[in-house]
Amino acid sequence: MKEITEITSIEMADDFLEKHELSFLDVSRPECSVCHAILPKLRELLDAYPEIHLGHIDANVVEEVASQFLIFTVPVMLLMAGQREYIRADRFVVFDRLREQLDQIYMLVNEEE
């Protein structure tokens, strides 16, 4: 399964996004049962995309994540290229659709290299 970087501050989030060309941020809360169900599926999905790095943010710990990324509910998953958001999946994620979106973006990024 895809390795997760635990992000515990906005500064860490900014560094994580700056360090990796493609990043997926998973924002959740410990009391969210949907969050707990989605994360293992996301980790499994991202195994097929070695260039995408996965970071996890607990919204209870990093409260400013809501304003930084305009998050109104959890779970939220954001595919970022640098500081730019390309995919936002929240609440009830359709993983087949998410895979299609990832395939398209991944193909475009790899073509540019």
PDB file of N, CA and C in Angstrom:
ATOM      1  N   MET A   1       0.831  -1.191   0.000  1.00  0.00           N
ATOM      2  CA  MET A   1       0.000   0.000   0.000  1.00  0.00           C
ATOM      3  C   MET A   1       0.873   1.251   0.000  1.00  0.00           C
ATOM      4  N   LYS A   2       0.339   2.289  -0.576  1.00  0.00           N
ATOM      5  CA  LYS A   2       1.037   3.564  -0.687  1.00  0.00           C
ATOM      6  C   LYS A   2       1.423   4.097   0.689  1.00  0.00           C
ATOM      7  N   GLU A   3       2.650   4.575   0.794  1.00  0.00           N
ATOM      8  CA  GLU A   3       3.133   5.174   2.035  1.00  0.00           C
ATOM      9  C   GLU A   3       2.435   6.519   2.261  1.00  0.00           C
ATOM     10  N   ILE A   4       2.146   6.815   3.529  1.00  0.00           N
ATOM     11  CA  ILE A   4       1.472   8.060   3.886  1.00  0.00           C
ATOM     12  C   ILE A   4       2.427   8.936   4.692  1.00  0.00           C
ATOM     13  N   THR A   5       2.481  10.219   4.335  1.00  0.00           N
ATOM     14  CA  THR A   5       3.201  11.207   5.128  1.00  0.00           C
ATOM     15  C   THR A   5       2.173  11.923   6.000  1.00  0.00           C
ATOM     16  N   GLU A   6       2.381  11.875   7.296  1.00  0.00           N
ATOM     17  CA  GLU A   6       1.480  12.545   8.232  1.00  0.00           C
ATOM     18  C   GLU A   6       1.867  14.021   8.286  1.00  0.00           C
ATOM     19  N   ILE A   7       0.921  14.889   7.955  1.00  0.00           N
ATOM     20  CA  ILE A   7       1.166  16.335   7.905  1.00  0.00           C
ATOM     21  C   ILE A   7       0.490  16.972   9.112  1.00  0.00           C
ATOM     22  N   THR A   8       1.283  17.674   9.938  1.00  0.00           N
ATOM     23  CA  THR A   8       0.755  18.173  11.205  1.00  0.00           C
ATOM     24  C   THR A   8       0.741  19.701  11.310  1.00  0.00           C
ATOM     25  N   SER A   9       0.996  20.396  10.203  1.00  0.00           N
ATOM     26  CA  SER A   9       0.912  21.856  10.201  1.00  0.00           C
ATOM     27  C   SER A   9       0.727  22.348   8.762  1.00  0.00           C
ATOM     28  N   ILE A  10       0.265  23.571   8.628  1.00  0.00           N
ATOM     29  CA  ILE A  10       0.124  24.160   7.294  1.00  0.00           C
ATOM     30  C   ILE A  10       1.489  24.308   6.642  1.00  0.00           C
ATOM     31  N   GLU A  11       2.494  24.629   7.425  1.00  0.00           N
ATOM     32  CA  GLU A  11       3.850  24.758   6.883  1.00  0.00           C
ATOM     33  C   GLU A  11       4.331  23.418   6.308  1.00  0.00           C
ATOM     34  N   MET A  12       4.031  22.342   7.024  1.00  0.00           N
ATOM     35  CA  MET A  12       4.386  21.004   6.516  1.00  0.00           C
ATOM     36  C   MET A  12       3.639  20.712   5.221  1.00  0.00           C
ATOM     37  N   ALA A  13       2.374  21.117   5.149  1.00  0.00           N
ATOM     38  CA  ALA A  13       1.581  20.901   3.935  1.00  0.00           C
ATOM     39  C   ALA A  13       2.207  21.661   2.770  1.00  0.00           C
ATOM     40  N   ASP A  14       2.571  22.909   2.996  1.00  0.00           N
ATOM     41  CA  ASP A  14       3.208  23.708   1.945  1.00  0.00           C
ATOM     42  C   ASP A  14       4.521  23.081   1.494  1.00  0.00           C
ATOM     43  N   ASP A  15       5.328  22.626   2.439  1.00  0.00           N
ATOM     44  CA  ASP A  15       6.604  21.968   2.106  1.00  0.00           C
ATOM     45  C   ASP A  15       6.368  20.692   1.316  1.00  0.00           C
ATOM     46  N   PHE A  16       5.375  19.911   1.735  1.00  0.00           N
ATOM     47  CA  PHE A  16       5.045  18.650   1.063  1.00  0.00           C
ATOM     48  C   PHE A  16       4.651  18.916  -0.393  1.00  0.00           C
ATOM     49  N   LEU A  17       3.810  19.917  -0.601  1.00  0.00           N
ATOM     50  CA  LEU A  17       3.358  20.245  -1.953  1.00  0.00           C
ATOM     51  C   LEU A  17       4.502  20.787  -2.808  1.00  0.00           C
ATOM     52  N   GLU A  18       5.382  21.552  -2.190  1.00  0.00           N
ATOM     53  CA  GLU A  18       6.522  22.107  -2.917  1.00  0.00           C
ATOM     54  C   GLU A  18       7.533  21.018  -3.288  1.00  0.00           C
ATOM     55  N   LYS A  19       7.703  20.053  -2.419  1.00  0.00           N
ATOM     56  CA  LYS A  19       8.698  18.994  -2.604  1.00  0.00           C
ATOM     57  C   LYS A  19       8.304  18.001  -3.707  1.00  0.00           C
ATOM     58  N   HIS A  20       7.009  17.768  -3.886  1.00  0.00           N
ATOM     59  CA  HIS A  20       6.539  16.745  -4.816  1.00  0.00           C
ATOM     60  C   HIS A  20       5.773  17.373  -5.979  1.00  0.00           C
ATOM     61  N   GLU A  21       6.094  16.936  -7.189  1.00  0.00           N
ATOM     62  CA  GLU A  21       5.394  17.457  -8.361  1.00  0.00           C
ATOM     63  C   GLU A  21       3.908  17.119  -8.314  1.00  0.00           C
ATOM     64  N   LEU A  22       3.596  15.885  -7.925  1.00  0.00           N
ATOM     65  CA  LEU A  22       2.197  15.455  -7.781  1.00  0.00           C
ATOM     66  C   LEU A  22       1.978  14.956  -6.359  1.00  0.00           C
ATOM     67  N   SER A  23       0.980  15.500  -5.698  1.00  0.00           N
ATOM     68  CA  SER A  23       0.665  15.128  -4.324  1.00  0.00           C
ATOM     69  C   SER A  23      -0.830  14.914  -4.180  1.00  0.00           C
ATOM     70  N   PHE A  24      -1.177  13.961  -3.355  1.00  0.00           N
ATOM     71  CA  PHE A  24      -2.577  13.732  -3.022  1.00  0.00           C
ATOM     72  C   PHE A  24      -2.702  13.992  -1.535  1.00  0.00           C
ATOM     73  N   LEU A  25      -3.543  14.935  -1.165  1.00  0.00           N
ATOM     74  CA  LEU A  25      -3.784  15.228   0.240  1.00  0.00           C
ATOM     75  C   LEU A  25      -5.115  14.623   0.660  1.00  0.00           C
ATOM     76  N   ASP A  26      -5.075  13.857   1.730  1.00  0.00           N
ATOM     77  CA  ASP A  26      -6.284  13.281   2.318  1.00  0.00           C
ATOM     78  C   ASP A  26      -6.541  14.039   3.613  1.00  0.00           C
ATOM     79  N   VAL A  27      -7.676  14.734   3.685  1.00  0.00           N
ATOM     80  CA  VAL A  27      -8.034  15.505   4.873  1.00  0.00           C
ATOM     81  C   VAL A  27      -9.209  14.811   5.543  1.00  0.00           C
ATOM     82  N   SER A  28      -9.031  14.488   6.822  1.00  0.00           N
ATOM     83  CA  SER A  28     -10.075  13.747   7.523  1.00  0.00           C
ATOM     84  C   SER A  28     -10.099  14.149   8.991  1.00  0.00           C
ATOM     85  N   ARG A  29     -10.996  13.524   9.719  1.00  0.00           N
ATOM     86  CA  ARG A  29     -11.098  13.684  11.169  1.00  0.00           C
ATOM     87  C   ARG A  29     -11.214  12.281  11.776  1.00  0.00           C
ATOM     88  N   PRO A  30     -10.662  12.067  12.967  1.00  0.00           N
ATOM     89  CA  PRO A  30     -10.699  10.733  13.582  1.00  0.00           C
ATOM     90  C   PRO A  30     -12.109  10.204  13.810  1.00  0.00           C
ATOM     91  N   GLU A  31     -13.068  11.087  14.066  1.00  0.00           N
ATOM     92  CA  GLU A  31     -14.430  10.637  14.362  1.00  0.00           C
ATOM     93  C   GLU A  31     -15.260  10.361  13.110  1.00  0.00           C
ATOM     94  N   CYS A  32     -14.673  10.495  11.935  1.00  0.00           N
ATOM     95  CA  CYS A  32     -15.379  10.313  10.662  1.00  0.00           C
ATOM     96  C   CYS A  32     -15.251   8.868  10.174  1.00  0.00           C
ATOM     97  N   SER A  33     -16.343   8.122  10.212  1.00  0.00           N
ATOM     98  CA  SER A  33     -16.291   6.717   9.787  1.00  0.00           C
ATOM     99  C   SER A  33     -16.080   6.589   8.277  1.00  0.00           C
ATOM    100  N   VAL A  34     -16.623   7.513   7.502  1.00  0.00           N
ATOM    101  CA  VAL A  34     -16.404   7.487   6.049  1.00  0.00           C
ATOM    102  C   VAL A  34     -14.925   7.677   5.745  1.00  0.00           C
ATOM    103  N   CYS A  35     -14.272   8.572   6.480  1.00  0.00           N
ATOM    104  CA  CYS A  35     -12.837   8.821   6.298  1.00  0.00           C
ATOM    105  C   CYS A  35     -12.032   7.532   6.479  1.00  0.00           C
ATOM    106  N   HIS A  36     -12.377   6.789   7.520  1.00  0.00           N
ATOM    107  CA  HIS A  36     -11.654   5.548   7.815  1.00  0.00           C
ATOM    108  C   HIS A  36     -11.875   4.500   6.726  1.00  0.00           C
ATOM    109  N   ALA A  37     -13.030   4.500   6.115  1.00  0.00           N
ATOM    110  CA  ALA A  37     -13.326   3.527   5.055  1.00  0.00           C
ATOM    111  C   ALA A  37     -12.631   3.888   3.747  1.00  0.00           C
ATOM    112  N   ILE A  38     -12.487   5.181   3.478  1.00  0.00           N
ATOM    113  CA  ILE A  38     -11.943   5.629   2.190  1.00  0.00           C
ATOM    114  C   ILE A  38     -10.416   5.539   2.117  1.00  0.00           C
ATOM    115  N   LEU A  39      -9.725   5.834   3.206  1.00  0.00           N
ATOM    116  CA  LEU A  39      -8.260   5.904   3.160  1.00  0.00           C
ATOM    117  C   LEU A  39      -7.601   4.619   2.655  1.00  0.00           C
ATOM    118  N   PRO A  40      -7.977   3.426   3.119  1.00  0.00           N
ATOM    119  CA  PRO A  40      -7.340   2.216   2.573  1.00  0.00           C
ATOM    120  C   PRO A  40      -7.589   2.042   1.074  1.00  0.00           C
ATOM    121  N   LYS A  41      -8.766   2.404   0.603  1.00  0.00           N
ATOM    122  CA  LYS A  41      -9.065   2.314  -0.829  1.00  0.00           C
ATOM    123  C   LYS A  41      -8.214   3.301  -1.615  1.00  0.00           C
ATOM    124  N   LEU A  42      -8.032   4.491  -1.071  1.00  0.00           N
ATOM    125  CA  LEU A  42      -7.194   5.497  -1.722  1.00  0.00           C
ATOM    126  C   LEU A  42      -5.745   5.024  -1.788  1.00  0.00           C
ATOM    127  N   ARG A  43      -5.238   4.473  -0.700  1.00  0.00           N
ATOM    128  CA  ARG A  43      -3.852   3.969  -0.679  1.00  0.00           C
ATOM    129  C   ARG A  43      -3.666   2.871  -1.726  1.00  0.00           C
ATOM    130  N   GLU A  44      -4.636   1.988  -1.828  1.00  0.00           N
ATOM    131  CA  GLU A  44      -4.562   0.906  -2.811  1.00  0.00           C
ATOM    132  C   GLU A  44      -4.599   1.466  -4.240  1.00  0.00           C
ATOM    133  N   LEU A  45      -5.486   2.415  -4.496  1.00  0.00           N
ATOM    134  CA  LEU A  45      -5.591   3.042  -5.807  1.00  0.00           C
ATOM    135  C   LEU A  45      -4.278   3.721  -6.196  1.00  0.00           C
ATOM    136  N   LEU A  46      -3.686   4.451  -5.263  1.00  0.00           N
ATOM    137  CA  LEU A  46      -2.478   5.216  -5.569  1.00  0.00           C
ATOM    138  C   LEU A  46      -1.238   4.350  -5.759  1.00  0.00           C
ATOM    139  N   ASP A  47      -1.302   3.072  -5.420  1.00  0.00           N
ATOM    140  CA  ASP A  47      -0.190   2.159  -5.708  1.00  0.00           C
ATOM    141  C   ASP A  47       0.129   2.128  -7.199  1.00  0.00           C
ATOM    142  N   ALA A  48      -0.873   2.355  -8.028  1.00  0.00           N
ATOM    143  CA  ALA A  48      -0.684   2.319  -9.484  1.00  0.00           C
ATOM    144  C   ALA A  48      -0.027   3.595 -10.016  1.00  0.00           C
ATOM    145  N   TYR A  49       0.191   4.589  -9.147  1.00  0.00           N
ATOM    146  CA  TYR A  49       0.740   5.873  -9.558  1.00  0.00           C
ATOM    147  C   TYR A  49       1.951   6.212  -8.680  1.00  0.00           C
ATOM    148  N   PRO A  50       3.112   5.643  -9.017  1.00  0.00           N
ATOM    149  CA  PRO A  50       4.284   5.822  -8.142  1.00  0.00           C
ATOM    150  C   PRO A  50       4.764   7.267  -8.010  1.00  0.00           C
ATOM    151  N   GLU A  51       4.425   8.120  -8.948  1.00  0.00           N
ATOM    152  CA  GLU A  51       4.894   9.511  -8.897  1.00  0.00           C
ATOM    153  C   GLU A  51       4.009  10.399  -8.015  1.00  0.00           C
ATOM    154  N   ILE A  52       2.881   9.870  -7.564  1.00  0.00           N
ATOM    155  CA  ILE A  52       1.985  10.647  -6.707  1.00  0.00           C
ATOM    156  C   ILE A  52       2.287  10.307  -5.246  1.00  0.00           C
ATOM    157  N   HIS A  53       2.558  11.340  -4.454  1.00  0.00           N
ATOM    158  CA  HIS A  53       2.863  11.167  -3.036  1.00  0.00           C
ATOM    159  C   HIS A  53       1.615  11.482  -2.215  1.00  0.00           C
ATOM    160  N   LEU A  54       1.388  10.691  -1.179  1.00  0.00           N
ATOM    161  CA  LEU A  54       0.180  10.796  -0.371  1.00  0.00           C
ATOM    162  C   LEU A  54       0.482  11.416   0.988  1.00  0.00           C
ATOM    163  N   GLY A  55      -0.236  12.489   1.294  1.00  0.00           N
ATOM    164  CA  GLY A  55      -0.132  13.114   2.599  1.00  0.00           C
ATOM    165  C   GLY A  55      -1.477  13.080   3.296  1.00  0.00           C
ATOM    166  N   HIS A  56      -1.463  12.891   4.601  1.00  0.00           N
ATOM    167  CA  HIS A  56      -2.695  12.854   5.389  1.00  0.00           C
ATOM    168  C   HIS A  56      -2.695  14.010   6.377  1.00  0.00           C
ATOM    169  N   ILE A  57      -3.821  14.717   6.451  1.00  0.00           N
ATOM    170  CA  ILE A  57      -3.980  15.828   7.387  1.00  0.00           C
ATOM    171  C   ILE A  57      -5.202  15.566   8.258  1.00  0.00           C
ATOM    172  N   ASP A  58      -4.989  15.560   9.564  1.00  0.00           N
ATOM    173  CA  ASP A  58      -6.095  15.478  10.522  1.00  0.00           C
ATOM    174  C   ASP A  58      -6.608  16.902  10.713  1.00  0.00           C
ATOM    175  N   ALA A  59      -7.826  17.165  10.282  1.00  0.00           N
ATOM    176  CA  ALA A  59      -8.393  18.513  10.353  1.00  0.00           C
ATOM    177  C   ALA A  59      -8.596  18.985  11.784  1.00  0.00           C
ATOM    178  N   ASN A  60      -8.618  18.076  12.748  1.00  0.00           N
ATOM    179  CA  ASN A  60      -8.697  18.484  14.150  1.00  0.00           C
ATOM    180  C   ASN A  60      -7.361  19.035  14.636  1.00  0.00           C
ATOM    181  N   VAL A  61      -6.269  18.532  14.093  1.00  0.00           N
ATOM    182  CA  VAL A  61      -4.919  18.964  14.477  1.00  0.00           C
ATOM    183  C   VAL A  61      -4.512  20.220  13.712  1.00  0.00           C
ATOM    184  N   VAL A  62      -4.781  20.233  12.417  1.00  0.00           N
ATOM    185  CA  VAL A  62      -4.408  21.354  11.549  1.00  0.00           C
ATOM    186  C   VAL A  62      -5.693  22.081  11.157  1.00  0.00           C
ATOM    187  N   GLU A  63      -6.214  22.855  12.077  1.00  0.00           N
ATOM    188  CA  GLU A  63      -7.511  23.497  11.865  1.00  0.00           C
ATOM    189  C   GLU A  63      -7.502  24.477  10.693  1.00  0.00           C
ATOM    190  N   GLU A  64      -6.365  25.116  10.424  1.00  0.00           N
ATOM    191  CA  GLU A  64      -6.291  26.095   9.343  1.00  0.00           C
ATOM    192  C   GLU A  64      -6.343  25.458   7.963  1.00  0.00           C
ATOM    193  N   VAL A  65      -6.352  24.117   7.890  1.00  0.00           N
ATOM    194  CA  VAL A  65      -6.471  23.438   6.603  1.00  0.00           C
ATOM    195  C   VAL A  65      -7.792  23.788   5.928  1.00  0.00           C
ATOM    196  N   ALA A  66      -8.820  24.037   6.722  1.00  0.00           N
ATOM    197  CA  ALA A  66     -10.137  24.365   6.168  1.00  0.00           C
ATOM    198  C   ALA A  66     -10.080  25.649   5.357  1.00  0.00           C
ATOM    199  N   SER A  67      -9.451  26.669   5.890  1.00  0.00           N
ATOM    200  CA  SER A  67      -9.387  27.936   5.154  1.00  0.00           C
ATOM    201  C   SER A  67      -8.351  27.892   4.043  1.00  0.00           C
ATOM    202  N   GLN A  68      -7.241  27.208   4.260  1.00  0.00           N
ATOM    203  CA  GLN A  68      -6.169  27.135   3.249  1.00  0.00           C
ATOM    204  C   GLN A  68      -6.659  26.462   1.964  1.00  0.00           C
ATOM    205  N   PHE A  69      -7.465  25.397   2.106  1.00  0.00           N
ATOM    206  CA  PHE A  69      -7.898  24.619   0.948  1.00  0.00           C
ATOM    207  C   PHE A  69      -9.415  24.677   0.720  1.00  0.00           C
ATOM    208  N   LEU A  70     -10.097  25.597   1.382  1.00  0.00           N
ATOM    209  CA  LEU A  70     -11.549  25.763   1.234  1.00  0.00           C
ATOM    210  C   LEU A  70     -12.300  24.445   1.459  1.00  0.00           C
ATOM    211  N   ILE A  71     -12.103  23.872   2.619  1.00  0.00           N
ATOM    212  CA  ILE A  71     -12.711  22.588   2.968  1.00  0.00           C
ATOM    213  C   ILE A  71     -13.863  22.835   3.935  1.00  0.00           C
ATOM    214  N   PHE A  72     -15.034  22.323   3.576  1.00  0.00           N
ATOM    215  CA  PHE A  72     -16.225  22.526   4.399  1.00  0.00           C
ATOM    216  C   PHE A  72     -16.710  21.236   5.056  1.00  0.00           C
ATOM    217  N   THR A  73     -16.209  20.098   4.593  1.00  0.00           N
ATOM    218  CA  THR A  73     -16.609  18.813   5.144  1.00  0.00           C
ATOM    219  C   THR A  73     -15.460  17.828   4.940  1.00  0.00           C
ATOM    220  N   VAL A  74     -15.487  16.734   5.660  1.00  0.00           N
ATOM    221  CA  VAL A  74     -14.504  15.673   5.463  1.00  0.00           C
ATOM    222  C   VAL A  74     -15.247  14.388   5.148  1.00  0.00           C
ATOM    223  N   PRO A  75     -14.639  13.454   4.485  1.00  0.00           N
ATOM    224  CA  PRO A  75     -13.285  13.497   3.945  1.00  0.00           C
ATOM    225  C   PRO A  75     -13.204  14.337   2.668  1.00  0.00           C
ATOM    226  N   VAL A  76     -12.017  14.875   2.449  1.00  0.00           N
ATOM    227  CA  VAL A  76     -11.692  15.575   1.208  1.00  0.00           C
ATOM    228  C   VAL A  76     -10.349  15.050   0.741  1.00  0.00           C
ATOM    229  N   MET A  77     -10.284  14.749  -0.542  1.00  0.00           N
ATOM    230  CA  MET A  77      -9.034  14.308  -1.145  1.00  0.00           C
ATOM    231  C   MET A  77      -8.717  15.244  -2.297  1.00  0.00           C
ATOM    232  N   LEU A  78      -7.492  15.771  -2.284  1.00  0.00           N
ATOM    233  CA  LEU A  78      -7.083  16.757  -3.273  1.00  0.00           C
ATOM    234  C   LEU A  78      -5.851  16.274  -4.010  1.00  0.00           C
ATOM    235  N   LEU A  79      -5.922  16.225  -5.330  1.00  0.00           N
ATOM    236  CA  LEU A  79      -4.728  15.973  -6.126  1.00  0.00           C
ATOM    237  C   LEU A  79      -4.150  17.332  -6.475  1.00  0.00           C
ATOM    238  N   MET A  80      -2.904  17.538  -6.094  1.00  0.00           N
ATOM    239  CA  MET A  80      -2.256  18.820  -6.290  1.00  0.00           C
ATOM    240  C   MET A  80      -1.006  18.641  -7.161  1.00  0.00           C
ATOM    241  N   ALA A  81      -0.790  19.616  -8.021  1.00  0.00           N
ATOM    242  CA  ALA A  81       0.477  19.732  -8.752  1.00  0.00           C
ATOM    243  C   ALA A  81       1.072  21.046  -8.270  1.00  0.00           C
ATOM    244  N   GLY A  82       2.048  20.953  -7.391  1.00  0.00           N
ATOM    245  CA  GLY A  82       2.538  22.149  -6.721  1.00  0.00           C
ATOM    246  C   GLY A  82       1.435  22.692  -5.835  1.00  0.00           C
ATOM    247  N   GLN A  83       1.126  23.964  -5.975  1.00  0.00           N
ATOM    248  CA  GLN A  83       0.057  24.579  -5.176  1.00  0.00           C
ATOM    249  C   GLN A  83      -1.277  24.594  -5.917  1.00  0.00           C
ATOM    250  N   ARG A  84      -1.334  23.972  -7.083  1.00  0.00           N
ATOM    251  CA  ARG A  84      -2.548  24.007  -7.897  1.00  0.00           C
ATOM    252  C   ARG A  84      -3.366  22.720  -7.733  1.00  0.00           C
ATOM    253  N   GLU A  85      -4.658  22.891  -7.491  1.00  0.00           N
ATOM    254  CA  GLU A  85      -5.564  21.759  -7.307  1.00  0.00           C
ATOM    255  C   GLU A  85      -6.079  21.274  -8.659  1.00  0.00           C
ATOM    256  N   TYR A  86      -5.985  19.946  -8.889  1.00  0.00           N
ATOM    257  CA  TYR A  86      -6.486  19.353 -10.130  1.00  0.00           C
ATOM    258  C   TYR A  86      -7.707  18.484  -9.920  1.00  0.00           C
ATOM    259  N   ILE A  87      -7.768  17.808  -8.786  1.00  0.00           N
ATOM    260  CA  ILE A  87      -8.928  16.951  -8.481  1.00  0.00           C
ATOM    261  C   ILE A  87      -9.335  17.218  -7.043  1.00  0.00           C
ATOM    262  N   ARG A  88     -10.637  17.312  -6.839  1.00  0.00           N
ATOM    263  CA  ARG A  88     -11.200  17.391  -5.493  1.00  0.00           C
ATOM    264  C   ARG A  88     -12.279  16.321  -5.410  1.00  0.00           C
ATOM    265  N   ALA A  89     -12.110  15.407  -4.482  1.00  0.00           N
ATOM    266  CA  ALA A  89     -13.116  14.368  -4.234  1.00  0.00           C
ATOM    267  C   ALA A  89     -13.493  14.477  -2.763  1.00  0.00           C
ATOM    268  N   ASP A  90     -14.786  14.557  -2.492  1.00  0.00           N
ATOM    269  CA  ASP A  90     -15.196  14.682  -1.107  1.00  0.00           C
ATOM    270  C   ASP A  90     -16.432  13.844  -0.810  1.00  0.00           C
ATOM    271  N   ARG A  91     -16.639  13.659   0.475  1.00  0.00           N
ATOM    272  CA  ARG A  91     -17.750  12.892   1.011  1.00  0.00           C
ATOM    273  C   ARG A  91     -17.825  11.480   0.438  1.00  0.00           C
ATOM    274  N   PHE A  92     -18.615  11.271  -0.597  1.00  0.00           N
ATOM    275  CA  PHE A  92     -18.805   9.939  -1.148  1.00  0.00           C
ATOM    276  C   PHE A  92     -18.053   9.847  -2.466  1.00  0.00           C
ATOM    277  N   VAL A  93     -16.926   9.186  -2.430  1.00  0.00           N
ATOM    278  CA  VAL A  93     -16.006   9.149  -3.564  1.00  0.00           C
ATOM    279  C   VAL A  93     -16.344   7.966  -4.472  1.00  0.00           C
ATOM    280  N   VAL A  94     -16.451   8.232  -5.762  1.00  0.00           N
ATOM    281  CA  VAL A  94     -16.641   7.186  -6.763  1.00  0.00           C
ATOM    282  C   VAL A  94     -15.242   6.854  -7.289  1.00  0.00           C
ATOM    283  N   PHE A  95     -14.699   5.737  -6.842  1.00  0.00           N
ATOM    284  CA  PHE A  95     -13.305   5.421  -7.137  1.00  0.00           C
ATOM    285  C   PHE A  95     -13.056   5.124  -8.609  1.00  0.00           C
ATOM    286  N   ASP A  96     -14.035   4.595  -9.319  1.00  0.00           N
ATOM    287  CA  ASP A  96     -13.851   4.382 -10.757  1.00  0.00           C
ATOM    288  C   ASP A  96     -13.647   5.721 -11.469  1.00  0.00           C
ATOM    289  N   ARG A  97     -14.436   6.700 -11.114  1.00  0.00           N
ATOM    290  CA  ARG A  97     -14.303   8.047 -11.701  1.00  0.00           C
ATOM    291  C   ARG A  97     -12.974   8.689 -11.291  1.00  0.00           C
ATOM    292  N   LEU A  98     -12.590   8.501 -10.034  1.00  0.00           N
ATOM    293  CA  LEU A  98     -11.320   9.040  -9.551  1.00  0.00           C
ATOM    294  C   LEU A  98     -10.153   8.422 -10.322  1.00  0.00           C
ATOM    295  N   ARG A  99     -10.217   7.119 -10.590  1.00  0.00           N
ATOM    296  CA  ARG A  99      -9.159   6.450 -11.357  1.00  0.00           C
ATOM    297  C   ARG A  99      -9.082   7.032 -12.774  1.00  0.00           C
ATOM    298  N   GLU A 100     -10.210   7.270 -13.409  1.00  0.00           N
ATOM    299  CA  GLU A 100     -10.220   7.865 -14.756  1.00  0.00           C
ATOM    300  C   GLU A 100      -9.553   9.242 -14.744  1.00  0.00           C
ATOM    301  N   GLN A 101      -9.899  10.053 -13.755  1.00  0.00           N
ATOM    302  CA  GLN A 101      -9.307  11.387 -13.648  1.00  0.00           C
ATOM    303  C   GLN A 101      -7.796  11.301 -13.419  1.00  0.00           C
ATOM    304  N   LEU A 102      -7.386  10.401 -12.545  1.00  0.00           N
ATOM    305  CA  LEU A 102      -5.958  10.233 -12.274  1.00  0.00           C
ATOM    306  C   LEU A 102      -5.214   9.774 -13.523  1.00  0.00           C
ATOM    307  N   ASP A 103      -5.805   8.838 -14.269  1.00  0.00           N
ATOM    308  CA  ASP A 103      -5.172   8.362 -15.501  1.00  0.00           C
ATOM    309  C   ASP A 103      -4.938   9.513 -16.472  1.00  0.00           C
ATOM    310  N   GLN A 104      -5.932  10.371 -16.632  1.00  0.00           N
ATOM    311  CA  GLN A 104      -5.811  11.495 -17.559  1.00  0.00           C
ATOM    312  C   GLN A 104      -4.708  12.458 -17.130  1.00  0.00           C
ATOM    313  N   ILE A 105      -4.707  12.837 -15.882  1.00  0.00           N
ATOM    314  CA  ILE A 105      -3.706  13.792 -15.390  1.00  0.00           C
ATOM    315  C   ILE A 105      -2.324  13.171 -15.393  1.00  0.00           C
ATOM    316  N   TYR A 106      -2.217  11.935 -14.966  1.00  0.00           N
ATOM    317  CA  TYR A 106      -0.934  11.244 -14.914  1.00  0.00           C
ATOM    318  C   TYR A 106      -0.333  11.147 -16.313  1.00  0.00           C
ATOM    319  N   MET A 107      -1.173  10.844 -17.307  1.00  0.00           N
ATOM    320  CA  MET A 107      -0.716  10.750 -18.695  1.00  0.00           C
ATOM    321  C   MET A 107      -0.202  12.116 -19.167  1.00  0.00           C
ATOM    322  N   LEU A 108      -0.930  13.174 -18.873  1.00  0.00           N
ATOM    323  CA  LEU A 108      -0.518  14.514 -19.294  1.00  0.00           C
ATOM    324  C   LEU A 108       0.794  14.929 -18.662  1.00  0.00           C
ATOM    325  N   VAL A 109       0.946  14.683 -17.404  1.00  0.00           N
ATOM    326  CA  VAL A 109       2.183  15.051 -16.691  1.00  0.00           C
ATOM    327  C   VAL A 109       3.366  14.277 -17.242  1.00  0.00           C
ATOM    328  N   ASN A 110       3.176  12.992 -17.505  1.00  0.00           N
ATOM    329  CA  ASN A 110       4.280  12.183 -18.013  1.00  0.00           C
ATOM    330  C   ASN A 110       4.615  12.521 -19.469  1.00  0.00           C
ATOM    331  N   GLU A 111       3.660  13.026 -20.242  1.00  0.00           N
ATOM    332  CA  GLU A 111       3.932  13.456 -21.610  1.00  0.00           C
ATOM    333  C   GLU A 111       4.805  14.703 -21.635  1.00  0.00           C
ATOM    334  N   GLU A 112       4.639  15.581 -20.638  1.00  0.00           N
ATOM    335  CA  GLU A 112       5.362  16.828 -20.585  1.00  0.00           C
ATOM    336  C   GLU A 112       6.841  16.622 -20.272  1.00  0.00           C
ATOM    337  N   GLU A 113       7.199  15.483 -19.711  1.00  0.00           N
ATOM    338  CA  GLU A 113       8.598  15.248 -19.308  1.00  0.00           C
ATOM    339  C   GLU A 113       9.459  14.870 -20.473  1.00  0.00           C
TER     340      GLU A 113
END
